[in-house]
């Protein structure tokens, strides 16, 4: 046993990065696989805990895999995740009533994100705490759900963590290779989730604030190269969108023309209008568009819907100006739903929060009670405040990512899954107060994360025990379709274990 420990220590000293990546990837993938084994929905393209846009992704991926030329449809969804899914369909064959193989591929992608995050967390948190962060990411119940269903958050989190790793590595300005990689991460991330494009001002502000002695001209040239590469990545899709929008304008010559400049999507104005009106709840509420006709479907020939596509920002801002108190309450509701992501627990059983709760439209399951939420909010606030102090200023980049997402949430919809999406930035901030408390006591700095790591490993034991039994059963209730009697998946659904 002693010889084994000595050999392991020597291996770690020689290849710490490779060994760390292998361990964090393997354990993350193992837990995702064990979770799938005990899940009743493992063969479905969605999860009982998250439905999202899985139907759209599946349909789009099938068309992409079959090489079908889609008609001139409005560019409403970012394309990269359904392209990835379509590639899996081409390589592995189209699904024959079983999404399990594709879910395993997405689980592997998520495990890669955990491992990649660990590589740069190690420099921020230190080796011991970085393994705790990786364990929390791997064991997050929310991420066990998202990484085993058709969710573009799985792909987006990979590009977000790659972006942050590159910015921290090239804080004085990216090298030519670094500029290309950062431009690729920003461009591809934007093609996965459009709001990633608007992370650029926050990254550039951080680079300018912490530029050190780098000349301003050199800084502008280096970062400008990265921005240029990201624009080049977006150009083919933007040209395709311009062609489609020109065709749509030609088919409706009597209506106000749609702008043809759309780098990723055109959903900004209409989503803003849907998110900010008297009937808005803070979450996804398409009622304001559904009431305009077309049976709830978006149609550019519908003059009322087209008005929101063109002038949705003005419509939403007008309502805010006329109802400032209601707008403030709505912002609070949006941020509250977003922060519900902190109420999700760990492991296959979502400990300690449990598996009884509700799923909002197009959003992730939220457990009842939410005892974890406010203590973790307090911990996050403490981490953000510490990040502006000189000693921990590298963490301020992560605080800017949280600020970016909070502003996006306040402007549009409050999604619980939106908080899970920024886990690569969020987890180090949550751990920073503990890191700061133990930093001056070397014994605690090793002992506390070691104990935390051992406790986290018990979640793998629990998931293994569940995987050995029959898939768990759940009950669900909510609105039902009058014709089929089935649950309407895009509405509120309450879930509890059998």
Protein backbone atom coordinates (compact mmCIF):
# COMPACT_ATOMS: atom_id res chain seq x y z
CA UNK A 1 0.00 0.00 0.00
CA UNK A 2 2.80 2.38 0.91
CA UNK A 3 4.56 1.64 -2.39
CA UNK A 4 1.31 2.42 -4.23
CA UNK A 5 0.98 5.78 -2.44
CA UNK A 6 4.60 6.68 -3.26
CA UNK A 7 4.11 5.72 -6.93
CA UNK A 8 0.92 7.78 -7.13
CA UNK A 9 2.73 10.76 -5.61
CA UNK A 10 5.59 10.45 -8.10
CA UNK A 11 3.13 10.21 -10.98
CA UNK A 12 1.34 13.34 -9.76
CA UNK A 13 4.63 15.25 -9.45
CA UNK A 14 5.63 14.32 -13.01
CA UNK A 15 2.28 14.77 -14.78
CA UNK A 16 -0.07 16.80 -12.55
CA UNK A 17 -2.08 18.36 -15.37
CA UNK A 18 -2.60 15.18 -17.39
CA UNK A 19 -3.49 13.16 -14.29
CA UNK A 20 -5.86 15.84 -13.00
CA UNK A 21 -7.67 16.06 -16.34
CA UNK A 22 -7.96 12.27 -16.54
CA UNK A 23 -9.35 12.00 -13.00
CA UNK A 24 -11.87 14.86 -13.29
CA UNK A 25 -13.08 13.71 -16.71
CA UNK A 26 -13.40 10.04 -15.75
CA UNK A 27 -15.21 10.67 -12.48
CA UNK A 28 -17.56 13.20 -14.09
CA UNK A 29 -18.45 10.84 -16.93
CA UNK A 30 -18.88 7.94 -14.51
CA UNK A 31 -21.39 9.86 -12.40
CA UNK A 32 -23.35 10.97 -15.47
CA UNK A 33 -23.51 7.37 -16.68
CA UNK A 34 -24.62 6.12 -13.26
CA UNK A 35 -27.30 8.81 -13.14
CA UNK A 36 -28.59 7.74 -16.56
CA UNK A 37 -28.76 4.10 -15.46
CA UNK A 38 -31.27 4.91 -12.72
CA UNK A 39 -33.24 7.49 -14.73
CA UNK A 40 -36.63 6.46 -16.16
CA UNK A 41 -36.13 8.89 -19.07
CA UNK A 42 -32.72 7.67 -20.22
CA UNK A 43 -34.02 6.70 -23.68
CA UNK A 44 -36.00 9.91 -24.19
CA UNK A 45 -34.53 12.95 -26.00
CA UNK A 46 -35.60 15.07 -23.03
CA UNK A 47 -35.74 14.65 -19.27
CA UNK A 48 -38.70 14.75 -16.91
CA UNK A 49 -36.70 17.44 -15.11
CA UNK A 50 -36.00 19.50 -18.25
CA UNK A 51 -37.83 19.64 -21.56
CA UNK A 52 -36.53 22.89 -23.03
CA UNK A 53 -36.17 23.06 -26.82
CA UNK A 54 -35.47 19.34 -27.24
CA UNK A 55 -38.23 18.88 -29.85
CA UNK A 56 -36.82 21.68 -32.02
CA UNK A 57 -33.24 20.42 -31.63
CA UNK A 58 -34.24 16.90 -32.66
CA UNK A 59 -36.18 18.07 -35.73
CA UNK A 60 -33.45 20.46 -36.85
CA UNK A 61 -30.77 17.79 -36.31
CA UNK A 62 -32.70 15.29 -38.44
CA UNK A 63 -32.94 17.80 -41.31
CA UNK A 64 -29.23 18.57 -40.99
CA UNK A 65 -28.29 14.88 -40.92
CA UNK A 66 -30.40 14.15 -44.00
CA UNK A 67 -28.99 17.14 -45.89
CA UNK A 68 -32.44 18.61 -46.42
CA UNK A 69 -32.42 22.20 -47.64
CA UNK A 70 -34.59 24.09 -45.18
CA UNK A 71 -36.94 26.72 -46.49
CA UNK A 72 -36.49 30.40 -45.74
CA UNK A 73 -37.41 30.24 -42.07
CA UNK A 74 -36.77 33.03 -39.62
CA UNK A 75 -33.36 32.63 -37.90
CA UNK A 76 -34.74 32.34 -34.39
CA UNK A 77 -32.49 29.74 -32.72
CA UNK A 78 -28.68 29.71 -32.69
CA UNK A 79 -27.59 26.82 -34.95
CA UNK A 80 -24.51 25.20 -33.45
CA UNK A 81 -26.04 22.74 -30.99
CA UNK A 82 -28.54 21.24 -33.47
CA UNK A 83 -25.64 21.02 -35.96
CA UNK A 84 -23.67 19.02 -33.40
CA UNK A 85 -26.67 16.79 -32.77
CA UNK A 86 -27.12 16.35 -36.53
CA UNK A 87 -23.46 15.33 -36.80
CA UNK A 88 -24.05 12.68 -34.12
CA UNK A 89 -27.07 11.45 -36.09
CA UNK A 90 -24.94 11.15 -39.22
CA UNK A 91 -22.08 9.33 -37.51
CA UNK A 92 -24.12 7.06 -35.23
CA UNK A 93 -27.27 6.77 -37.30
CA UNK A 94 -30.62 8.40 -36.73
CA UNK A 95 -32.33 7.53 -33.43
CA UNK A 96 -34.68 4.58 -33.57
CA UNK A 97 -36.79 5.44 -30.55
CA UNK A 98 -33.75 5.52 -28.26
CA UNK A 99 -31.77 8.67 -27.44
CA UNK A 100 -29.46 6.93 -24.95
CA UNK A 101 -26.32 6.81 -27.18
CA UNK A 102 -26.56 10.52 -27.98
CA UNK A 103 -27.14 11.35 -24.34
CA UNK A 104 -23.92 9.52 -23.47
CA UNK A 105 -22.05 11.64 -26.03
CA UNK A 106 -23.45 14.82 -24.46
CA UNK A 107 -22.48 13.48 -21.03
CA UNK A 108 -18.91 13.03 -22.30
CA UNK A 109 -18.93 16.62 -23.59
CA UNK A 110 -20.07 17.83 -20.17
CA UNK A 111 -17.38 15.76 -18.47
CA UNK A 112 -14.84 17.43 -20.77
CA UNK A 113 -16.12 20.81 -19.60
CA UNK A 114 -15.53 19.83 -15.97
CA UNK A 115 -11.98 18.70 -16.78
CA UNK A 116 -11.21 21.85 -18.80
CA UNK A 117 -12.56 24.02 -15.99
CA UNK A 118 -10.33 22.25 -13.50
CA UNK A 119 -7.22 23.14 -15.54
CA UNK A 120 -7.65 26.88 -14.95
CA UNK A 121 -9.41 26.64 -11.59
CA UNK A 122 -6.18 25.11 -10.29
CA UNK A 123 -4.37 28.40 -10.88
CA UNK A 124 -7.10 30.42 -9.14
CA UNK A 125 -8.10 28.17 -6.25
CA UNK A 126 -5.03 26.00 -5.72
CA UNK A 127 -4.91 22.27 -6.35
CA UNK A 128 -6.94 21.10 -3.35
CA UNK A 129 -9.85 23.51 -3.74
CA UNK A 130 -9.88 23.10 -7.52
CA UNK A 131 -10.67 19.40 -7.06
CA UNK A 132 -13.54 20.35 -4.73
CA UNK A 133 -14.86 22.72 -7.40
CA UNK A 134 -14.61 19.96 -10.03
CA UNK A 135 -16.40 17.57 -7.68
CA UNK A 136 -19.23 20.07 -7.17
CA UNK A 137 -19.54 20.64 -10.92
CA UNK A 138 -19.50 16.90 -11.63
CA UNK A 139 -22.05 16.11 -8.90
CA UNK A 140 -24.40 19.07 -9.45
CA UNK A 141 -27.90 17.64 -9.87
CA UNK A 142 -28.77 20.40 -12.31
CA UNK A 143 -25.81 19.47 -14.46
CA UNK A 144 -26.56 15.75 -14.21
CA UNK A 145 -29.90 16.64 -15.79
CA UNK A 146 -28.65 19.13 -18.39
CA UNK A 147 -25.74 16.96 -19.51
CA UNK A 148 -27.99 13.96 -20.16
CA UNK A 149 -30.62 15.60 -22.32
CA UNK A 150 -30.85 17.64 -25.53
CA UNK A 151 -29.70 20.93 -24.04
CA UNK A 152 -27.54 23.55 -25.74
CA UNK A 153 -26.25 24.54 -22.29
CA UNK A 154 -24.00 21.47 -22.50
CA UNK A 155 -22.16 22.87 -25.52
CA UNK A 156 -22.28 26.47 -24.34
CA UNK A 157 -20.64 25.76 -20.97
CA UNK A 158 -17.68 24.23 -22.83
CA UNK A 159 -17.15 27.41 -24.88
CA UNK A 160 -17.63 29.62 -21.81
CA UNK A 161 -15.00 27.78 -19.80
CA UNK A 162 -12.64 27.80 -22.81
CA UNK A 163 -13.17 31.56 -23.13
CA UNK A 164 -12.35 32.19 -19.47
CA UNK A 165 -9.30 29.91 -19.56
CA UNK A 166 -7.90 31.78 -22.58
CA UNK A 167 -8.59 35.26 -21.18
CA UNK A 168 -6.87 34.41 -17.89
CA UNK A 169 -3.95 32.87 -19.75
CA UNK A 170 -3.50 35.91 -22.02
CA UNK A 171 -4.43 38.70 -19.64
CA UNK A 172 -1.75 41.00 -21.10
CA UNK A 173 -3.15 40.43 -24.56
CA UNK A 174 -3.46 37.18 -26.53
CA UNK A 175 -0.61 35.86 -28.65
CA UNK A 176 -1.41 35.19 -32.33
CA UNK A 177 -2.38 31.61 -31.50
CA UNK A 178 -4.24 32.78 -28.41
CA UNK A 179 -6.16 35.35 -30.48
CA UNK A 180 -7.28 32.65 -32.90
CA UNK A 181 -8.36 30.31 -30.10
CA UNK A 182 -10.17 33.05 -28.19
CA UNK A 183 -11.88 34.26 -31.36
CA UNK A 184 -13.01 30.71 -32.09
CA UNK A 185 -14.33 30.23 -28.54
CA UNK A 186 -16.24 33.52 -28.65
CA UNK A 187 -17.57 32.96 -32.17
CA UNK A 188 -18.65 29.36 -31.63
CA UNK A 189 -20.04 30.21 -28.20
CA UNK A 190 -22.17 32.94 -29.80
CA UNK A 191 -23.47 30.46 -32.37
CA UNK A 192 -24.56 28.32 -29.42
CA UNK A 193 -26.11 31.08 -27.29
CA UNK A 194 -26.42 34.52 -28.86
CA UNK A 195 -25.82 36.42 -25.61
CA UNK A 196 -22.24 35.14 -25.53
CA UNK A 197 -21.42 37.72 -28.20
CA UNK A 198 -22.23 40.48 -25.69
CA UNK A 199 -19.64 39.15 -23.27
CA UNK A 200 -16.99 40.94 -25.35
CA UNK A 201 -17.35 44.37 -23.62
CA UNK A 202 -16.94 42.73 -20.22
CA UNK A 203 -13.83 40.82 -21.30
CA UNK A 204 -12.29 43.92 -22.87
CA UNK A 205 -13.08 46.02 -19.80
CA UNK A 206 -11.32 43.46 -17.58
CA UNK A 207 -8.33 43.33 -19.92
CA UNK A 208 -8.03 47.13 -19.83
CA UNK A 209 -8.39 47.38 -16.04
CA UNK A 210 -5.71 44.74 -15.43
CA UNK A 211 -3.44 45.45 -18.38
CA UNK A 212 -0.41 46.05 -16.15
CA UNK A 213 2.46 47.62 -18.10
CA UNK A 214 1.29 46.45 -21.52
CA UNK A 215 1.20 49.44 -23.93
CA UNK A 216 -2.32 50.40 -24.92
CA UNK A 217 -1.56 50.11 -28.66
CA UNK A 218 -0.26 46.56 -28.23
CA UNK A 219 -3.27 45.65 -26.11
CA UNK A 220 -5.69 47.01 -28.72
CA UNK A 221 -3.94 45.15 -31.55
CA UNK A 222 -3.92 41.82 -29.75
CA UNK A 223 -7.50 41.95 -28.52
CA UNK A 224 -8.64 43.42 -31.82
CA UNK A 225 -7.25 40.33 -33.58
CA UNK A 226 -9.34 38.07 -31.32
CA UNK A 227 -12.48 40.12 -31.99
CA UNK A 228 -11.76 39.93 -35.74
CA UNK A 229 -11.46 36.14 -35.62
CA UNK A 230 -14.79 35.84 -33.79
CA UNK A 231 -16.40 38.07 -36.47
CA UNK A 232 -14.97 35.80 -39.19
CA UNK A 233 -16.50 32.77 -37.45
CA UNK A 234 -19.91 34.45 -37.43
CA UNK A 235 -19.74 35.74 -41.02
CA UNK A 236 -20.98 32.62 -42.91
CA UNK A 237 -24.05 32.33 -40.69
CA UNK A 238 -24.67 36.09 -40.85
CA UNK A 239 -24.58 35.95 -44.66
CA UNK A 240 -27.02 33.04 -44.66
CA UNK A 241 -29.33 35.02 -42.36
CA UNK A 242 -29.12 38.06 -44.64
CA UNK A 243 -30.16 35.93 -47.63
CA UNK A 244 -33.08 34.39 -45.70
CA UNK A 245 -34.29 37.76 -44.42
CA UNK A 246 -34.08 39.25 -47.92
CA UNK A 247 -36.26 36.39 -49.17
CA UNK A 248 -38.77 36.97 -46.38
CA UNK A 249 -38.88 40.68 -47.18
CA UNK A 250 -39.44 39.89 -50.86
CA UNK A 251 -42.35 37.59 -49.96
CA UNK A 252 -44.03 40.34 -47.89
CA UNK A 253 -43.41 43.52 -49.93
CA UNK A 254 -46.30 45.45 -48.39
CA UNK A 255 -44.91 45.17 -44.83
CA UNK A 256 -42.11 47.06 -43.12
CA UNK A 257 -38.88 45.26 -44.08
CA UNK A 258 -36.98 43.16 -41.58
CA UNK A 259 -33.35 44.21 -41.01
CA UNK A 260 -31.02 41.85 -42.86
CA UNK A 261 -28.16 42.27 -40.39
CA UNK A 262 -28.46 39.38 -37.93
CA UNK A 263 -25.10 37.88 -36.81
CA UNK A 264 -26.83 35.05 -34.89
CA UNK A 265 -30.60 35.44 -34.46
CA UNK A 266 -33.42 37.98 -34.72
CA UNK A 267 -35.12 37.07 -31.45
CA UNK A 268 -33.82 39.98 -29.35
CA UNK A 269 -36.65 42.51 -29.87
CA UNK A 270 -39.57 40.06 -29.74
CA UNK A 271 -38.16 38.24 -26.70
CA UNK A 272 -37.70 41.60 -24.95
CA UNK A 273 -41.34 42.47 -25.63
CA UNK A 274 -42.51 39.03 -24.43
CA UNK A 275 -40.44 39.41 -21.25
CA UNK A 276 -41.57 42.94 -20.33
CA UNK A 277 -45.30 43.63 -20.27
CA UNK A 278 -48.18 43.71 -17.80
CA UNK A 279 -48.77 39.96 -17.95
CA UNK A 280 -45.11 38.91 -17.68
CA UNK A 281 -44.24 36.57 -14.81
CA UNK A 282 -40.45 36.69 -14.88
CA UNK A 283 -40.13 33.41 -16.77
CA UNK A 284 -40.84 32.47 -20.36
CA UNK A 285 -44.33 33.78 -21.18
CA UNK A 286 -45.24 33.70 -24.88
CA UNK A 287 -48.86 34.74 -24.22
CA UNK A 288 -48.33 38.22 -25.64
CA UNK A 289 -47.37 36.67 -28.99
CA UNK A 290 -49.89 33.82 -28.87
CA UNK A 291 -52.70 36.35 -28.49
CA UNK A 292 -51.69 37.91 -31.81
CA UNK A 293 -52.86 34.87 -33.79
CA UNK A 294 -51.20 32.14 -35.88
CA UNK A 295 -52.04 29.54 -33.19
CA UNK A 296 -48.98 30.52 -31.20
CA UNK A 297 -46.56 30.15 -34.13
CA UNK A 298 -44.32 33.00 -35.22
CA UNK A 299 -45.26 34.29 -38.68
CA UNK A 300 -43.47 37.22 -40.32
CA UNK A 301 -46.61 37.91 -42.40
CA UNK A 302 -48.59 38.61 -39.23
CA UNK A 303 -48.39 42.41 -38.90
CA UNK A 304 -48.69 42.43 -35.10
CA UNK A 305 -45.95 39.82 -34.65
CA UNK A 306 -43.78 41.55 -37.23
CA UNK A 307 -44.14 44.79 -35.29
CA UNK A 308 -42.65 43.06 -32.22
CA UNK A 309 -39.84 41.55 -34.32
CA UNK A 310 -38.93 45.07 -35.45
CA UNK A 311 -39.86 47.25 -32.48
CA UNK A 312 -39.98 44.92 -29.51
CA UNK A 313 -37.33 46.86 -27.59
CA UNK A 314 -39.33 50.08 -27.93
CA UNK A 315 -42.53 48.29 -26.85
CA UNK A 316 -40.91 46.80 -23.75
CA UNK A 317 -39.13 50.01 -22.77
CA UNK A 318 -42.35 51.98 -23.19
CA UNK A 319 -44.11 49.68 -20.75
CA UNK A 320 -41.24 50.03 -18.26
CA UNK A 321 -41.36 53.84 -18.43
CA UNK A 322 -45.12 53.82 -17.86
CA UNK A 323 -45.01 51.24 -15.05
CA UNK A 324 -41.67 51.65 -13.21
CA UNK A 325 -42.84 49.96 -9.98
CA UNK A 326 -44.19 46.94 -11.88
CA UNK A 327 -40.98 46.79 -13.91
CA UNK A 328 -38.90 46.76 -10.70
CA UNK A 329 -41.03 43.91 -9.29
CA UNK A 330 -40.63 42.03 -12.55
CA UNK A 331 -36.83 42.41 -12.45
CA UNK A 332 -36.89 41.00 -8.91
CA UNK A 333 -38.99 38.04 -10.07
CA UNK A 334 -36.62 37.34 -12.97
CA UNK A 335 -33.53 37.42 -10.77
CA UNK A 336 -35.32 35.29 -8.17
CA UNK A 337 -36.03 32.58 -10.74
CA UNK A 338 -32.45 32.81 -11.94
CA UNK A 339 -31.09 32.41 -8.41
CA UNK A 340 -33.32 29.36 -7.95
CA UNK A 341 -30.44 27.56 -9.65
CA UNK A 342 -28.68 27.72 -6.27
CA UNK A 343 -31.48 25.70 -4.65
CA UNK A 344 -30.51 22.61 -6.64
CA UNK A 345 -28.43 20.11 -4.71
CA UNK A 346 -25.96 17.35 -5.43
CA UNK A 347 -25.94 13.78 -6.68
CA UNK A 348 -28.56 11.62 -8.33
CA UNK A 349 -31.03 12.34 -5.49
CA UNK A 350 -30.52 16.13 -5.48
CA UNK A 351 -29.35 16.14 -1.86
CA UNK A 352 -30.36 17.81 0.40
CA UNK A 353 -33.14 19.48 -1.63
CA UNK A 354 -34.94 16.33 -2.82
CA UNK A 355 -36.82 15.42 -5.99
CA UNK A 356 -40.22 17.01 -5.36
CA UNK A 357 -40.78 20.32 -7.08
CA UNK A 358 -41.89 22.10 -10.22
CA UNK A 359 -40.62 22.72 -13.73
CA UNK A 360 -41.41 26.09 -15.31
CA UNK A 361 -42.00 26.39 -19.07
CA UNK A 362 -38.78 25.79 -21.05
CA UNK A 363 -36.82 25.66 -17.80
CA UNK A 364 -35.18 23.33 -15.31
CA UNK A 365 -36.80 21.60 -12.34
CA UNK A 366 -36.69 23.55 -9.06
CA UNK A 367 -37.12 21.63 -5.77
CA UNK A 368 -39.62 22.63 -3.11
CA UNK A 369 -38.33 24.58 -0.17
CA UNK A 370 -35.01 25.73 -1.58
CA UNK A 371 -33.12 25.82 1.74
CA UNK A 372 -29.79 26.07 -0.08
CA UNK A 373 -30.68 29.16 -2.10
CA UNK A 374 -30.15 32.09 0.25
CA UNK A 375 -27.07 30.78 2.11
CA UNK A 376 -25.43 30.23 -1.28
CA UNK A 377 -26.55 33.67 -2.48
CA UNK A 378 -24.80 35.14 0.58
CA UNK A 379 -21.69 33.10 -0.22
CA UNK A 380 -21.78 34.30 -3.84
CA UNK A 381 -22.08 37.95 -2.76
CA UNK A 382 -19.12 37.47 -0.42
CA UNK A 383 -17.10 35.95 -3.27
CA UNK A 384 -17.94 38.83 -5.61
CA UNK A 385 -16.92 41.39 -2.96
CA UNK A 386 -13.64 39.58 -2.34
CA UNK A 387 -12.96 39.52 -6.08
CA UNK A 388 -12.55 43.31 -6.19
CA UNK A 389 -9.76 43.25 -3.58
CA UNK A 390 -6.14 43.27 -4.86
CA UNK A 391 -5.30 39.79 -3.58
CA UNK A 392 -8.16 38.06 -5.41
CA UNK A 393 -8.55 40.36 -8.39
CA UNK A 394 -8.26 37.55 -10.97
CA UNK A 395 -11.68 36.41 -9.72
CA UNK A 396 -13.12 39.75 -10.86
CA UNK A 397 -13.28 38.34 -14.40
CA UNK A 398 -15.71 35.73 -13.07
CA UNK A 399 -17.72 38.43 -11.29
CA UNK A 400 -18.08 40.24 -14.62
CA UNK A 401 -19.44 37.03 -16.19
CA UNK A 402 -22.01 36.79 -13.38
CA UNK A 403 -22.89 40.47 -13.88
CA UNK A 404 -23.29 39.92 -17.63
CA UNK A 405 -25.68 37.04 -17.05
CA UNK A 406 -27.61 38.94 -14.36
CA UNK A 407 -28.15 41.87 -16.78
CA UNK A 408 -29.27 39.50 -19.55
CA UNK A 409 -31.68 37.89 -17.09
CA UNK A 410 -33.11 41.22 -15.92
CA UNK A 411 -33.64 42.32 -19.52
CA UNK A 412 -35.19 39.09 -20.81
CA UNK A 413 -36.39 35.91 -19.05
CA UNK A 414 -35.55 34.55 -15.63
CA UNK A 415 -34.29 31.02 -16.26
CA UNK A 416 -33.06 28.71 -13.51
CA UNK A 417 -30.94 26.96 -16.12
CA UNK A 418 -29.31 30.33 -16.88
CA UNK A 419 -27.47 30.19 -13.57
CA UNK A 420 -26.34 26.61 -14.20
CA UNK A 421 -24.95 27.75 -17.56
CA UNK A 422 -22.30 29.93 -15.90
CA UNK A 423 -21.10 27.28 -13.43
CA UNK A 424 -17.47 27.58 -14.64
CA UNK A 425 -17.51 31.19 -13.38
CA UNK A 426 -19.88 30.67 -10.47
CA UNK A 427 -18.22 27.83 -8.54
CA UNK A 428 -14.86 29.57 -7.89
CA UNK A 429 -16.76 32.61 -6.54
CA UNK A 430 -18.81 30.39 -4.22
CA UNK A 431 -15.64 28.76 -2.91
CA UNK A 432 -13.58 31.96 -2.68
CA UNK A 433 -14.77 32.92 0.85
CA UNK A 434 -13.74 29.46 2.10
CA UNK A 435 -10.42 29.70 0.27
CA UNK A 436 -9.79 33.11 1.83
CA UNK A 437 -10.70 31.88 5.34
CA UNK A 438 -8.34 28.90 5.17
CA UNK A 439 -5.51 30.64 3.25
CA UNK A 440 -3.70 31.81 6.40
CA UNK A 441 -3.89 28.42 8.12
CA UNK A 442 -1.95 25.82 6.12
CA UNK A 443 -3.41 22.88 8.04
CA UNK A 444 -6.98 23.93 7.30
CA UNK A 445 -6.11 24.83 3.70
CA UNK A 446 -5.47 21.12 3.06
CA UNK A 447 -7.72 19.46 5.61
CA UNK A 448 -11.00 21.22 4.77
CA UNK A 449 -10.92 20.56 1.00
CA UNK A 450 -9.76 16.98 1.65
CA UNK A 451 -12.77 16.33 3.90
CA UNK A 452 -15.09 18.02 1.40
CA UNK A 453 -13.66 15.87 -1.41
CA UNK A 454 -14.19 12.65 0.54
CA UNK A 455 -17.78 13.61 1.32
CA UNK A 456 -18.41 14.37 -2.35
CA UNK A 457 -17.17 10.90 -3.32
CA UNK A 458 -20.06 9.42 -1.31
CA UNK A 459 -22.34 10.78 -4.05
CA UNK A 460 -20.71 8.37 -6.51
CA UNK A 461 -21.42 5.50 -4.09
CA UNK A 462 -25.07 6.56 -3.81
CA UNK A 463 -25.42 6.85 -7.62
CA UNK A 464 -23.86 3.40 -8.03
CA UNK A 465 -26.31 1.89 -5.57
CA UNK A 466 -29.24 3.49 -7.41
CA UNK A 467 -27.91 2.27 -10.77
CA UNK A 468 -27.98 -1.33 -9.55
CA UNK A 469 -31.72 -1.17 -8.94
CA UNK A 470 -34.68 -0.61 -11.24
CA UNK A 471 -35.11 2.87 -12.76
CA UNK A 472 -36.81 5.22 -10.33
CA UNK A 473 -40.41 6.21 -10.91
CA UNK A 474 -41.88 9.71 -10.80
CA UNK A 475 -45.32 11.25 -10.94
CA UNK A 476 -46.18 14.46 -12.75
CA UNK A 477 -49.17 16.77 -13.00
CA UNK A 478 -49.96 19.87 -15.01
CA UNK A 479 -51.98 21.20 -17.92
CA UNK A 480 -53.06 18.56 -20.44
CA UNK A 481 -53.84 18.64 -24.13
CA UNK A 482 -57.60 18.42 -24.70
CA UNK A 483 -57.21 16.07 -27.66
CA UNK A 484 -54.55 13.61 -26.50
CA UNK A 485 -54.84 14.04 -22.74
CA UNK A 486 -51.04 14.24 -22.49
CA UNK A 487 -49.16 16.73 -20.35
CA UNK A 488 -48.29 19.99 -22.11
CA UNK A 489 -44.53 19.92 -21.72
CA UNK A 490 -44.11 23.66 -22.37
CA UNK A 491 -46.29 24.59 -19.40
CA UNK A 492 -45.82 24.30 -15.65
CA UNK A 493 -45.31 20.69 -14.52
CA UNK A 494 -45.18 19.49 -10.91
CA UNK A 495 -42.95 16.44 -10.27
CA UNK A 496 -42.55 14.11 -7.30
CA UNK A 497 -41.16 10.59 -6.70
CA UNK A 498 -43.54 7.64 -6.70
